[in-house]
Structure formats: C-alpha cells, structure tokens
PDB file of N, CA and C in Angstrom:
ATOM      1  N   MET A   1      15.593   6.555  -7.961  1.00  0.00           N
ATOM      2  CA  MET A   1      14.541   5.991  -7.926  1.00  0.00           C
ATOM      3  C   MET A   1      13.723   6.181  -9.170  1.00  0.00           C
ATOM      4  N   ASP A   2      12.898   5.443  -9.588  1.00  0.00           N
ATOM      5  CA  ASP A   2      12.004   5.644 -10.723  1.00  0.00           C
ATOM      6  C   ASP A   2      10.856   6.198 -10.186  1.00  0.00           C
ATOM      7  N   LYS A   3      10.583   7.761 -10.627  1.00  0.00           N
ATOM      8  CA  LYS A   3       9.283   8.240 -10.307  1.00  0.00           C
ATOM      9  C   LYS A   3       8.034   7.797 -10.929  1.00  0.00           C
ATOM     10  N   LYS A   4       8.287   7.382 -12.202  1.00  0.00           N
ATOM     11  CA  LYS A   4       7.021   6.768 -13.035  1.00  0.00           C
ATOM     12  C   LYS A   4       6.235   5.677 -12.079  1.00  0.00           C
ATOM     13  N   LEU A   5       7.264   4.714 -11.850  1.00  0.00           N
ATOM     14  CA  LEU A   5       6.900   3.514 -11.005  1.00  0.00           C
ATOM     15  C   LEU A   5       6.026   3.920  -9.653  1.00  0.00           C
ATOM     16  N   LEU A   6       6.891   4.824  -9.085  1.00  0.00           N
ATOM     17  CA  LEU A   6       6.230   5.094  -7.679  1.00  0.00           C
ATOM     18  C   LEU A   6       4.983   5.708  -8.133  1.00  0.00           C
ATOM     19  N   GLY A   7       4.838   6.803  -8.938  1.00  0.00           N
ATOM     20  CA  GLY A   7       3.397   7.406  -8.973  1.00  0.00           C
ATOM     21  C   GLY A   7       2.575   6.271  -9.692  1.00  0.00           C
ATOM     22  N   ARG A   8       3.008   5.387 -10.554  1.00  0.00           N
ATOM     23  CA  ARG A   8       1.975   4.366 -11.206  1.00  0.00           C
ATOM     24  C   ARG A   8       1.364   3.866  -9.801  1.00  0.00           C
ATOM     25  N   GLN A   9       1.971   3.154  -9.006  1.00  0.00           N
ATOM     26  CA  GLN A   9       1.454   2.518  -7.719  1.00  0.00           C
ATOM     27  C   GLN A   9       0.766   3.426  -6.774  1.00  0.00           C
ATOM     28  N   ILE A  10       1.098   4.355  -6.908  1.00  0.00           N
ATOM     29  CA  ILE A  10       0.263   5.348  -5.869  1.00  0.00           C
ATOM     30  C   ILE A  10      -0.967   5.667  -6.571  1.00  0.00           C
ATOM     31  N   ASN A  11      -1.098   5.614  -7.794  1.00  0.00           N
ATOM     32  CA  ASN A  11      -2.284   5.921  -8.589  1.00  0.00           C
ATOM     33  C   ASN A  11      -3.180   4.528  -8.632  1.00  0.00           C
ATOM     34  N   ARG A  12      -2.633   3.499  -8.664  1.00  0.00           N
ATOM     35  CA  ARG A  12      -3.041   2.019  -8.555  1.00  0.00           C
ATOM     36  C   ARG A  12      -3.959   1.991  -7.157  1.00  0.00           C
ATOM     37  N   ALA A  13      -3.020   2.009  -6.195  1.00  0.00           N
ATOM     38  CA  ALA A  13      -3.500   2.125  -4.690  1.00  0.00           C
ATOM     39  C   ALA A  13      -4.632   2.883  -4.561  1.00  0.00           C
ATOM     40  N   ARG A  14      -4.848   4.148  -5.050  1.00  0.00           N
ATOM     41  CA  ARG A  14      -5.831   5.182  -4.893  1.00  0.00           C
ATOM     42  C   ARG A  14      -7.090   4.587  -5.533  1.00  0.00           C
ATOM     43  N   LYS A  15      -7.070   4.099  -6.708  1.00  0.00           N
ATOM     44  CA  LYS A  15      -7.934   3.658  -7.739  1.00  0.00           C
ATOM     45  C   LYS A  15      -8.542   2.241  -6.893  1.00  0.00           C
ATOM     46  N   ASP A  16      -7.722   1.335  -6.494  1.00  0.00           N
ATOM     47  CA  ASP A  16      -8.309   0.252  -5.812  1.00  0.00           C
ATOM     48  C   ASP A  16      -8.996   0.550  -4.530  1.00  0.00           C
ATOM     49  N   ARG A  17      -8.940   1.696  -3.971  1.00  0.00           N
ATOM     50  CA  ARG A  17      -9.367   2.154  -2.664  1.00  0.00           C
ATOM     51  C   ARG A  17     -10.838   3.079  -3.096  1.00  0.00           C
ATOM     52  N   GLY A  18     -11.038   2.982  -4.428  1.00  0.00           N
ATOM     53  CA  GLY A  18     -12.025   3.861  -4.814  1.00  0.00           C
ATOM     54  C   GLY A  18     -12.211   5.427  -4.507  1.00  0.00           C
ATOM     55  N   LEU A  19     -10.742   5.847  -4.539  1.00  0.00           N
ATOM     56  CA  LEU A  19     -10.583   7.255  -4.260  1.00  0.00           C
ATOM     57  C   LEU A  19     -10.401   8.097  -5.427  1.00  0.00           C
ATOM     58  N   THR A  20     -11.107   9.172  -5.548  1.00  0.00           N
ATOM     59  CA  THR A  20     -10.663  10.493  -6.644  1.00  0.00           C
ATOM     60  C   THR A  20      -9.661  11.048  -6.391  1.00  0.00           C
ATOM     61  N   SER A  21      -8.593  11.511  -7.245  1.00  0.00           N
ATOM     62  CA  SER A  21      -7.667  12.258  -7.074  1.00  0.00           C
ATOM     63  C   SER A  21      -7.816  13.551  -5.894  1.00  0.00           C
ATOM     64  N   GLU A  22      -9.144  13.912  -6.085  1.00  0.00           N
ATOM     65  CA  GLU A  22      -9.429  15.017  -5.255  1.00  0.00           C
ATOM     66  C   GLU A  22      -9.583  14.587  -3.831  1.00  0.00           C
ATOM     67  N   LYS A  23     -10.213  13.666  -3.710  1.00  0.00           N
ATOM     68  CA  LYS A  23     -10.530  13.090  -2.448  1.00  0.00           C
ATOM     69  C   LYS A  23      -8.804  13.039  -1.655  1.00  0.00           C
ATOM     70  N   LEU A  24      -8.116  12.071  -2.526  1.00  0.00           N
ATOM     71  CA  LEU A  24      -6.904  11.818  -1.935  1.00  0.00           C
ATOM     72  C   LEU A  24      -5.964  13.233  -1.320  1.00  0.00           C
ATOM     73  N   SER A  25      -6.268  13.903  -2.527  1.00  0.00           N
ATOM     74  CA  SER A  25      -5.521  15.020  -2.398  1.00  0.00           C
ATOM     75  C   SER A  25      -5.845  15.695  -0.900  1.00  0.00           C
ATOM     76  N   GLU A  26      -7.158  15.966  -0.731  1.00  0.00           N
ATOM     77  CA  GLU A  26      -7.928  16.449   0.233  1.00  0.00           C
ATOM     78  C   GLU A  26      -7.438  15.748   1.490  1.00  0.00           C
ATOM     79  N   ALA A  27      -7.265  14.490   1.496  1.00  0.00           N
ATOM     80  CA  ALA A  27      -6.702  14.021   2.833  1.00  0.00           C
ATOM     81  C   ALA A  27      -5.306  13.892   3.087  1.00  0.00           C
ATOM     82  N   CYS A  28      -4.529  14.281   2.155  1.00  0.00           N
ATOM     83  CA  CYS A  28      -3.017  14.836   2.154  1.00  0.00           C
ATOM     84  C   CYS A  28      -2.895  16.209   2.596  1.00  0.00           C
ATOM     85  N   ASN A  29      -4.024  16.904   2.439  1.00  0.00           N
ATOM     86  CA  ASN A  29      -3.919  18.755   2.492  1.00  0.00           C
ATOM     87  C   ASN A  29      -2.929  18.903   1.229  1.00  0.00           C
ATOM     88  N   ILE A  30      -3.080  18.502   0.230  1.00  0.00           N
ATOM     89  CA  ILE A  30      -2.334  18.895  -1.024  1.00  0.00           C
ATOM     90  C   ILE A  30      -3.473  19.434  -2.070  1.00  0.00           C
ATOM     91  N   ASN A  31      -2.519  20.180  -2.958  1.00  0.00           N
ATOM     92  CA  ASN A  31      -3.474  20.368  -4.419  1.00  0.00           C
ATOM     93  C   ASN A  31      -3.503  19.225  -5.284  1.00  0.00           C
ATOM     94  N   ALA A  32      -4.639  18.829  -5.910  1.00  0.00           N
ATOM     95  CA  ALA A  32      -5.039  17.642  -6.595  1.00  0.00           C
ATOM     96  C   ALA A  32      -4.092  17.825  -7.946  1.00  0.00           C
ATOM     97  N   THR A  33      -3.520  19.039  -8.197  1.00  0.00           N
ATOM     98  CA  THR A  33      -2.483  19.270  -9.376  1.00  0.00           C
ATOM     99  C   THR A  33      -1.403  18.582  -9.214  1.00  0.00           C
ATOM    100  N   TYR A  34      -0.863  18.606  -7.782  1.00  0.00           N
ATOM    101  CA  TYR A  34       0.221  18.117  -7.160  1.00  0.00           C
ATOM    102  C   TYR A  34       0.460  16.791  -6.961  1.00  0.00           C
ATOM    103  N   LEU A  35      -0.873  16.181  -6.675  1.00  0.00           N
ATOM    104  CA  LEU A  35      -1.029  14.700  -6.956  1.00  0.00           C
ATOM    105  C   LEU A  35      -0.910  14.426  -8.142  1.00  0.00           C
ATOM    106  N   ARG A  36      -1.463  14.677  -9.098  1.00  0.00           N
ATOM    107  CA  ARG A  36      -1.559  14.254 -10.458  1.00  0.00           C
ATOM    108  C   ARG A  36      -0.135  14.244 -11.218  1.00  0.00           C
ATOM    109  N   GLN A  37       0.704  15.346 -10.613  1.00  0.00           N
ATOM    110  CA  GLN A  37       1.996  15.513 -10.877  1.00  0.00           C
ATOM    111  C   GLN A  37       2.871  14.126 -10.308  1.00  0.00           C
ATOM    112  N   ILE A  38       2.540  13.933  -9.222  1.00  0.00           N
ATOM    113  CA  ILE A  38       3.269  12.821  -8.420  1.00  0.00           C
ATOM    114  C   ILE A  38       2.718  11.530  -9.074  1.00  0.00           C
ATOM    115  N   GLU A  39       1.288  11.203  -9.401  1.00  0.00           N
ATOM    116  CA  GLU A  39       1.073  10.127 -10.002  1.00  0.00           C
ATOM    117  C   GLU A  39       1.478   9.735 -11.357  1.00  0.00           C
ATOM    118  N   SER A  40       2.005  10.760 -12.102  1.00  0.00           N
ATOM    119  CA  SER A  40       2.501  10.804 -13.533  1.00  0.00           C
ATOM    120  C   SER A  40       3.998  10.576 -13.392  1.00  0.00           C
ATOM    121  N   GLY A  41       4.562  11.154 -12.474  1.00  0.00           N
ATOM    122  CA  GLY A  41       6.009  10.744 -12.182  1.00  0.00           C
ATOM    123  C   GLY A  41       6.687  12.017 -12.465  1.00  0.00           C
ATOM    124  N   ALA A  42       6.158  13.023 -12.715  1.00  0.00           N
ATOM    125  CA  ALA A  42       6.598  14.290 -13.002  1.00  0.00           C
ATOM    126  C   ALA A  42       7.226  15.179 -11.688  1.00  0.00           C
ATOM    127  N   LYS A  43       6.499  14.705 -10.517  1.00  0.00           N
ATOM    128  CA  LYS A  43       7.165  15.135  -9.050  1.00  0.00           C
ATOM    129  C   LYS A  43       7.354  13.975  -8.323  1.00  0.00           C
ATOM    130  N   THR A  44       8.407  14.239  -7.435  1.00  0.00           N
ATOM    131  CA  THR A  44       8.711  13.024  -6.334  1.00  0.00           C
ATOM    132  C   THR A  44       8.183  13.638  -4.964  1.00  0.00           C
ATOM    133  N   PRO A  45       7.325  12.930  -4.461  1.00  0.00           N
ATOM    134  CA  PRO A  45       6.896  13.489  -2.950  1.00  0.00           C
ATOM    135  C   PRO A  45       8.004  13.626  -1.844  1.00  0.00           C
ATOM    136  N   SER A  46       7.999  14.506  -1.029  1.00  0.00           N
ATOM    137  CA  SER A  46       8.791  14.742   0.065  1.00  0.00           C
ATOM    138  C   SER A  46       8.560  13.447   0.931  1.00  0.00           C
ATOM    139  N   LEU A  47       9.544  13.026   1.807  1.00  0.00           N
ATOM    140  CA  LEU A  47       9.258  11.866   2.741  1.00  0.00           C
ATOM    141  C   LEU A  47       7.889  12.247   3.339  1.00  0.00           C
ATOM    142  N   PRO A  48       7.621  13.347   4.190  1.00  0.00           N
ATOM    143  CA  PRO A  48       6.553  13.664   4.975  1.00  0.00           C
ATOM    144  C   PRO A  48       5.347  13.524   3.947  1.00  0.00           C
ATOM    145  N   MET A  49       5.217  13.999   2.802  1.00  0.00           N
ATOM    146  CA  MET A  49       4.112  13.931   1.940  1.00  0.00           C
ATOM    147  C   MET A  49       3.987  12.154   1.439  1.00  0.00           C
ATOM    148  N   PHE A  50       5.250  11.487   1.283  1.00  0.00           N
ATOM    149  CA  PHE A  50       5.090  10.290   1.015  1.00  0.00           C
ATOM    150  C   PHE A  50       4.297   9.573   2.206  1.00  0.00           C
ATOM    151  N   VAL A  51       4.465   9.962   3.544  1.00  0.00           N
ATOM    152  CA  VAL A  51       4.221   9.107   4.657  1.00  0.00           C
ATOM    153  C   VAL A  51       2.615   9.651   4.659  1.00  0.00           C
ATOM    154  N   SER A  52       2.302  10.757   4.286  1.00  0.00           N
ATOM    155  CA  SER A  52       0.989  11.364   4.279  1.00  0.00           C
ATOM    156  C   SER A  52       0.046  10.659   3.357  1.00  0.00           C
ATOM    157  N   ILE A  53       0.353  10.171   2.172  1.00  0.00           N
ATOM    158  CA  ILE A  53      -0.010   9.272   1.224  1.00  0.00           C
ATOM    159  C   ILE A  53      -0.389   7.904   1.723  1.00  0.00           C
ATOM    160  N   CYS A  54       0.607   7.269   2.153  1.00  0.00           N
ATOM    161  CA  CYS A  54       0.706   6.064   2.658  1.00  0.00           C
ATOM    162  C   CYS A  54      -0.513   5.857   3.699  1.00  0.00           C
ATOM    163  N   ARG A  55      -0.601   6.732   4.810  1.00  0.00           N
ATOM    164  CA  ARG A  55      -1.543   6.966   5.812  1.00  0.00           C
ATOM    165  C   ARG A  55      -2.970   7.273   4.890  1.00  0.00           C
ATOM    166  N   ALA A  56      -3.061   8.003   4.243  1.00  0.00           N
ATOM    167  CA  ALA A  56      -4.394   8.055   3.487  1.00  0.00           C
ATOM    168  C   ALA A  56      -5.013   7.102   2.522  1.00  0.00           C
ATOM    169  N   LEU A  57      -3.757   6.424   2.215  1.00  0.00           N
ATOM    170  CA  LEU A  57      -4.412   5.077   1.132  1.00  0.00           C
ATOM    171  C   LEU A  57      -4.292   3.939   2.285  1.00  0.00           C
ATOM    172  N   LYS A  58      -3.806   3.940   3.520  1.00  0.00           N
ATOM    173  CA  LYS A  58      -3.798   2.980   4.500  1.00  0.00           C
ATOM    174  C   LYS A  58      -3.176   1.806   3.811  1.00  0.00           C
ATOM    175  N   VAL A  59      -1.807   2.149   3.182  1.00  0.00           N
ATOM    176  CA  VAL A  59      -0.835   1.184   3.028  1.00  0.00           C
ATOM    177  C   VAL A  59       0.370   1.271   3.775  1.00  0.00           C
ATOM    178  N   SER A  60       1.419   0.341   3.588  1.00  0.00           N
ATOM    179  CA  SER A  60       2.600   0.536   4.216  1.00  0.00           C
ATOM    180  C   SER A  60       3.477   1.458   2.999  1.00  0.00           C
ATOM    181  N   PRO A  61       4.730   1.812   3.464  1.00  0.00           N
ATOM    182  CA  PRO A  61       5.498   2.276   2.219  1.00  0.00           C
ATOM    183  C   PRO A  61       6.122   1.234   1.386  1.00  0.00           C
ATOM    184  N   SER A  62       6.312  -0.029   1.947  1.00  0.00           N
ATOM    185  CA  SER A  62       6.816  -1.092   0.877  1.00  0.00           C
ATOM    186  C   SER A  62       5.786  -1.144  -0.127  1.00  0.00           C
ATOM    187  N   TYR A  63       4.500  -1.150   0.288  1.00  0.00           N
ATOM    188  CA  TYR A  63       3.365  -1.425  -0.647  1.00  0.00           C
ATOM    189  C   TYR A  63       3.276  -0.592  -2.154  1.00  0.00           C
ATOM    190  N   LEU A  64       3.888   0.528  -1.646  1.00  0.00           N
ATOM    191  CA  LEU A  64       3.828   1.674  -2.510  1.00  0.00           C
ATOM    192  C   LEU A  64       5.417   1.396  -3.329  1.00  0.00           C
ATOM    193  N   LEU A  65       6.301   1.131  -2.857  1.00  0.00           N
ATOM    194  CA  LEU A  65       7.594   0.997  -3.388  1.00  0.00           C
ATOM    195  C   LEU A  65       7.782  -0.443  -4.013  1.00  0.00           C
ATOM    196  N   VAL A  66       6.896  -1.436  -3.823  1.00  0.00           N
ATOM    197  CA  VAL A  66       7.000  -2.665  -4.465  1.00  0.00           C
ATOM    198  C   VAL A  66       7.411  -2.884  -5.895  1.00  0.00           C
ATOM    199  N   ASP A  67       7.121  -1.870  -6.961  1.00  0.00           N
ATOM    200  CA  ASP A  67       7.677  -1.811  -8.123  1.00  0.00           C
ATOM    201  C   ASP A  67       9.053  -1.095  -8.285  1.00  0.00           C
ATOM    202  N   VAL A  68       9.427  -0.311  -7.304  1.00  0.00           N
ATOM    203  CA  VAL A  68      10.553   0.349  -7.167  1.00  0.00           C
ATOM    204  C   VAL A  68      11.636  -0.368  -6.707  1.00  0.00           C
ATOM    205  N   LEU A  69      11.047  -1.291  -5.518  1.00  0.00           N
ATOM    206  CA  LEU A  69      12.248  -2.317  -4.861  1.00  0.00           C
ATOM    207  C   LEU A  69      11.627  -3.589  -5.137  1.00  0.00           C
ATOM    208  N   PRO A  70      11.728  -4.317  -6.444  1.00  0.00           N
ATOM    209  CA  PRO A  70      10.914  -5.531  -6.571  1.00  0.00           C
ATOM    210  C   PRO A  70      11.605  -6.815  -6.099  1.00  0.00           C
ATOM    211  N   ASP A  71      12.771  -6.853  -5.370  1.00  0.00           N
ATOM    212  CA  ASP A  71      13.607  -7.829  -4.806  1.00  0.00           C
ATOM    213  C   ASP A  71      13.234  -7.998  -3.552  1.00  0.00           C
ATOM    214  N   THR A  72      12.580  -7.276  -2.935  1.00  0.00           N
ATOM    215  CA  THR A  72      11.913  -7.308  -1.291  1.00  0.00           C
ATOM    216  C   THR A  72      10.894  -8.337  -1.372  1.00  0.00           C
ATOM    217  N   ASP A  73      10.896  -9.118  -0.185  1.00  0.00           N
ATOM    218  CA  ASP A  73       9.996  -9.958   0.098  1.00  0.00           C
ATOM    219  C   ASP A  73       8.978  -9.469   1.136  1.00  0.00           C
ATOM    220  N   ILE A  74       8.950  -8.053   1.399  1.00  0.00           N
ATOM    221  CA  ILE A  74       8.146  -7.352   1.974  1.00  0.00           C
ATOM    222  C   ILE A  74       6.640  -7.428   1.415  1.00  0.00           C
ATOM    223  N   HIS A  75       6.512  -7.328  -0.008  1.00  0.00           N
ATOM    224  CA  HIS A  75       5.483  -7.558  -0.684  1.00  0.00           C
ATOM    225  C   HIS A  75       4.412  -8.290  -0.169  1.00  0.00           C
ATOM    226  N   ASP A  76       5.201  -9.567  -0.238  1.00  0.00           N
ATOM    227  CA  ASP A  76       3.987 -10.732   0.594  1.00  0.00           C
ATOM    228  C   ASP A  76       3.395 -10.673   1.772  1.00  0.00           C
ATOM    229  N   MET A  77       4.643  -9.908   2.534  1.00  0.00           N
ATOM    230  CA  MET A  77       3.914  -9.465   4.079  1.00  0.00           C
ATOM    231  C   MET A  77       2.949  -8.428   3.764  1.00  0.00           C
ATOM    232  N   ASP A  78       2.961  -7.699   3.095  1.00  0.00           N
ATOM    233  CA  ASP A  78       2.048  -6.386   2.856  1.00  0.00           C
ATOM    234  C   ASP A  78       0.742  -6.869   2.571  1.00  0.00           C
ATOM    235  N   MET A  79       0.726  -8.027   1.565  1.00  0.00           N
ATOM    236  CA  MET A  79      -0.519  -8.562   1.024  1.00  0.00           C
ATOM    237  C   MET A  79      -1.267  -9.283   2.067  1.00  0.00           C
ATOM    238  N   LEU A  80      -0.324 -10.209   2.774  1.00  0.00           N
ATOM    239  CA  LEU A  80      -1.032 -10.722   3.894  1.00  0.00           C
ATOM    240  C   LEU A  80      -1.844  -9.778   4.825  1.00  0.00           C
ATOM    241  N   LEU A  81      -0.914  -8.867   5.165  1.00  0.00           N
ATOM    242  CA  LEU A  81      -1.473  -7.692   6.020  1.00  0.00           C
ATOM    243  C   LEU A  81      -2.764  -6.972   5.750  1.00  0.00           C
ATOM    244  N   GLU A  82      -2.682  -6.503   4.457  1.00  0.00           N
ATOM    245  CA  GLU A  82      -3.965  -6.237   3.626  1.00  0.00           C
ATOM    246  C   GLU A  82      -5.207  -7.277   3.862  1.00  0.00           C
ATOM    247  N   LEU A  83      -4.848  -8.233   3.484  1.00  0.00           N
ATOM    248  CA  LEU A  83      -6.022  -9.384   3.820  1.00  0.00           C
ATOM    249  C   LEU A  83      -6.348  -9.608   5.189  1.00  0.00           C
ATOM    250  N   TRP A  84      -5.401  -9.346   6.128  1.00  0.00           N
ATOM    251  CA  TRP A  84      -5.968  -9.667   7.574  1.00  0.00           C
ATOM    252  C   TRP A  84      -6.624  -8.347   7.734  1.00  0.00           C
ATOM    253  N   GLN A  85      -6.354  -7.177   7.353  1.00  0.00           N
ATOM    254  CA  GLN A  85      -7.142  -6.214   8.114  1.00  0.00           C
ATOM    255  C   GLN A  85      -8.464  -6.026   7.195  1.00  0.00           C
ATOM    256  N   THR A  86      -9.013  -6.664   6.304  1.00  0.00           N
ATOM    257  CA  THR A  86     -10.214  -6.760   5.824  1.00  0.00           C
ATOM    258  C   THR A  86     -11.190  -7.901   6.041  1.00  0.00           C
ATOM    259  N   ALA A  87     -10.346  -9.011   7.116  1.00  0.00           N
ATOM    260  CA  ALA A  87     -10.744 -10.092   7.386  1.00  0.00           C
ATOM    261  C   ALA A  87     -12.064  -9.841   8.407  1.00  0.00           C
ATOM    262  N   THR A  88     -12.965 -10.675   8.686  1.00  0.00           N
ATOM    263  CA  THR A  88     -14.072 -10.705   9.651  1.00  0.00           C
ATOM    264  C   THR A  88     -13.335 -11.405  10.854  1.00  0.00           C
ATOM    265  N   PRO A  89     -13.809 -11.072  12.051  1.00  0.00           N
ATOM    266  CA  PRO A  89     -13.501 -11.704  13.264  1.00  0.00           C
ATOM    267  C   PRO A  89     -13.450 -13.287  13.024  1.00  0.00           C
ATOM    268  N   LYS A  90     -14.503 -13.898  12.553  1.00  0.00           N
ATOM    269  CA  LYS A  90     -14.200 -15.169  12.389  1.00  0.00           C
ATOM    270  C   LYS A  90     -13.475 -15.674  11.306  1.00  0.00           C
ATOM    271  N   GLN A  91     -13.282 -14.748  10.372  1.00  0.00           N
ATOM    272  CA  GLN A  91     -12.092 -15.469   9.203  1.00  0.00           C
ATOM    273  C   GLN A  91     -10.880 -15.262   9.716  1.00  0.00           C
ATOM    274  N   ILE A  92     -10.541 -14.403  10.929  1.00  0.00           N
ATOM    275  CA  ILE A  92      -9.146 -14.232  11.548  1.00  0.00           C
ATOM    276  C   ILE A  92      -9.203 -15.497  12.180  1.00  0.00           C
ATOM    277  N   LYS A  93      -9.986 -15.858  13.005  1.00  0.00           N
ATOM    278  CA  LYS A  93      -9.588 -17.209  13.970  1.00  0.00           C
ATOM    279  C   LYS A  93      -9.571 -18.394  13.123  1.00  0.00           C
ATOM    280  N   ILE A  94      -9.960 -18.574  11.861  1.00  0.00           N
ATOM    281  CA  ILE A  94      -9.804 -19.316  11.060  1.00  0.00           C
ATOM    282  C   ILE A  94      -8.234 -19.463  10.414  1.00  0.00           C
ATOM    283  N   ILE A  95      -8.152 -18.145   9.988  1.00  0.00           N
ATOM    284  CA  ILE A  95      -6.910 -17.863   9.213  1.00  0.00           C
ATOM    285  C   ILE A  95      -5.745 -18.323  10.519  1.00  0.00           C
ATOM    286  N   THR A  96      -5.625 -17.615  11.511  1.00  0.00           N
ATOM    287  CA  THR A  96      -4.815 -17.885  12.537  1.00  0.00           C
ATOM    288  C   THR A  96      -4.602 -19.433  12.742  1.00  0.00           C
ATOM    289  N   ALA A  97      -5.551 -20.100  13.006  1.00  0.00           N
ATOM    290  CA  ALA A  97      -5.415 -21.524  13.258  1.00  0.00           C
ATOM    291  C   ALA A  97      -4.920 -22.450  12.104  1.00  0.00           C
ATOM    292  N   MET A  98      -5.130 -21.927  10.563  1.00  0.00           N
ATOM    293  CA  MET A  98      -4.567 -22.535   9.346  1.00  0.00           C
ATOM    294  C   MET A  98      -2.949 -22.191   9.472  1.00  0.00           C
ATOM    295  N   VAL A  99      -2.773 -20.868   9.871  1.00  0.00           N
ATOM    296  CA  VAL A  99      -1.318 -20.472   9.798  1.00  0.00           C
ATOM    297  C   VAL A  99      -0.595 -21.492  10.841  1.00  0.00           C
ATOM    298  N   LYS A 100      -1.045 -21.247  11.793  1.00  0.00           N
ATOM    299  CA  LYS A 100      -0.407 -22.106  13.003  1.00  0.00           C
ATOM    300  C   LYS A 100      -0.459 -23.384  12.844  1.00  0.00           C
ATOM    301  N   SER A 101      -1.468 -24.012  12.154  1.00  0.00           N
ATOM    302  CA  SER A 101      -1.265 -25.567  11.745  1.00  0.00           C
ATOM    303  C   SER A 101       0.020 -25.870  10.732  1.00  0.00           C
ATOM    304  N   ALA A 102       0.040 -24.728   9.733  1.00  0.00           N
ATOM    305  CA  ALA A 102       0.641 -25.074   8.699  1.00  0.00           C
ATOM    306  C   ALA A 102       2.339 -24.879   9.199  1.00  0.00           C
ATOM    307  N   LEU A 103       2.743 -23.750  10.135  1.00  0.00           N
ATOM    308  CA  LEU A 103       4.006 -23.718  10.694  1.00  0.00           C
ATOM    309  C   LEU A 103       4.166 -24.664  11.501  1.00  0.00           C
ATOM    310  N   ASP A 104       3.088 -25.328  12.412  1.00  0.00           N
ATOM    311  CA  ASP A 104       3.992 -26.560  12.871  1.00  0.00           C
ATOM    312  C   ASP A 104       4.101 -27.900  12.404  1.00  0.00           C
ATOM    313  N   ASN A 105       3.382 -27.987  11.267  1.00  0.00           N
ATOM    314  CA  ASN A 105       3.960 -28.998  10.291  1.00  0.00           C
ATOM    315  C   ASN A 105       5.003 -28.966   9.710  1.00  0.00           C
ATOM    316  N   ILE A 106       5.420 -27.567   9.306  1.00  0.00           N
ATOM    317  CA  ILE A 106       6.693 -27.387   8.597  1.00  0.00           C
ATOM    318  C   ILE A 106       7.618 -27.430   9.961  1.00  0.00           C
ATOM    319  N   ASN A 107       7.550 -27.079  10.837  1.00  0.00           N
ATOM    320  CA  ASN A 107       8.511 -27.293  11.932  1.00  0.00           C
ATOM    321  C   ASN A 107       8.810 -28.671  12.238  1.00  0.00           C
ATOM    322  N   GLU A 108       8.041 -29.576  12.083  1.00  0.00           N
ATOM    323  CA  GLU A 108       8.026 -31.119  12.577  1.00  0.00           C
ATOM    324  C   GLU A 108       9.121 -31.790  11.620  1.00  0.00           C
TER     325      GLU A 108
END
C-alpha cells in the first residue's frame, strides 16, 4: 500500500470538511503530530485508527482508499452516497424519482 497516497486522501478529506489537523486528531483521540505523520505518509494507521479516521471524517474506507485502489467502481457509489447525505428531503424525492425513471428506461 502506498502510504503517501492514503495520507494525501485523508488530508484532502479533512480539508474538504473544514477540519484542522488538531480537530481531527481530537475526534480520533490521537496526537496531532501522529495525524500529520499519517497525512504525510510517514506512518500507516492501524485498522482501528483507520476506522476512527473514517468515522470522524464521515467517509467510507473506500473513499479514502480510492487513490490506493483506483480500479474499483466503489468510488462512484461513495460519491453518490456523499451527495445523497447532503441533499435536502425535497432533493432526495427528486433524485429518487430521476434514478427510478432512468433505471426503468434502461431496463425496457
């Protein structure tokens, strides 16, 4: 596994969510220096720490591993899930109707 790619993705996700390394490290109950080492690729998080980072960032593991495992289709699903989670109830109804209609037309 390329530690630098994983670290870059964690860093990108943290910044996308407007979190400082201090805030994320607090949420994960780790030292900010350790988090910066993970983000720089100097350290690899343990599995429990990786899960903690995913929870704190509110992302799936595959979202953070997208650069490490680029041949997976899971990234598209994660992007849809992220969009879904930020949609309003009205937007969800519209999106659901659009997807249902698209799938019905594809299956005909």
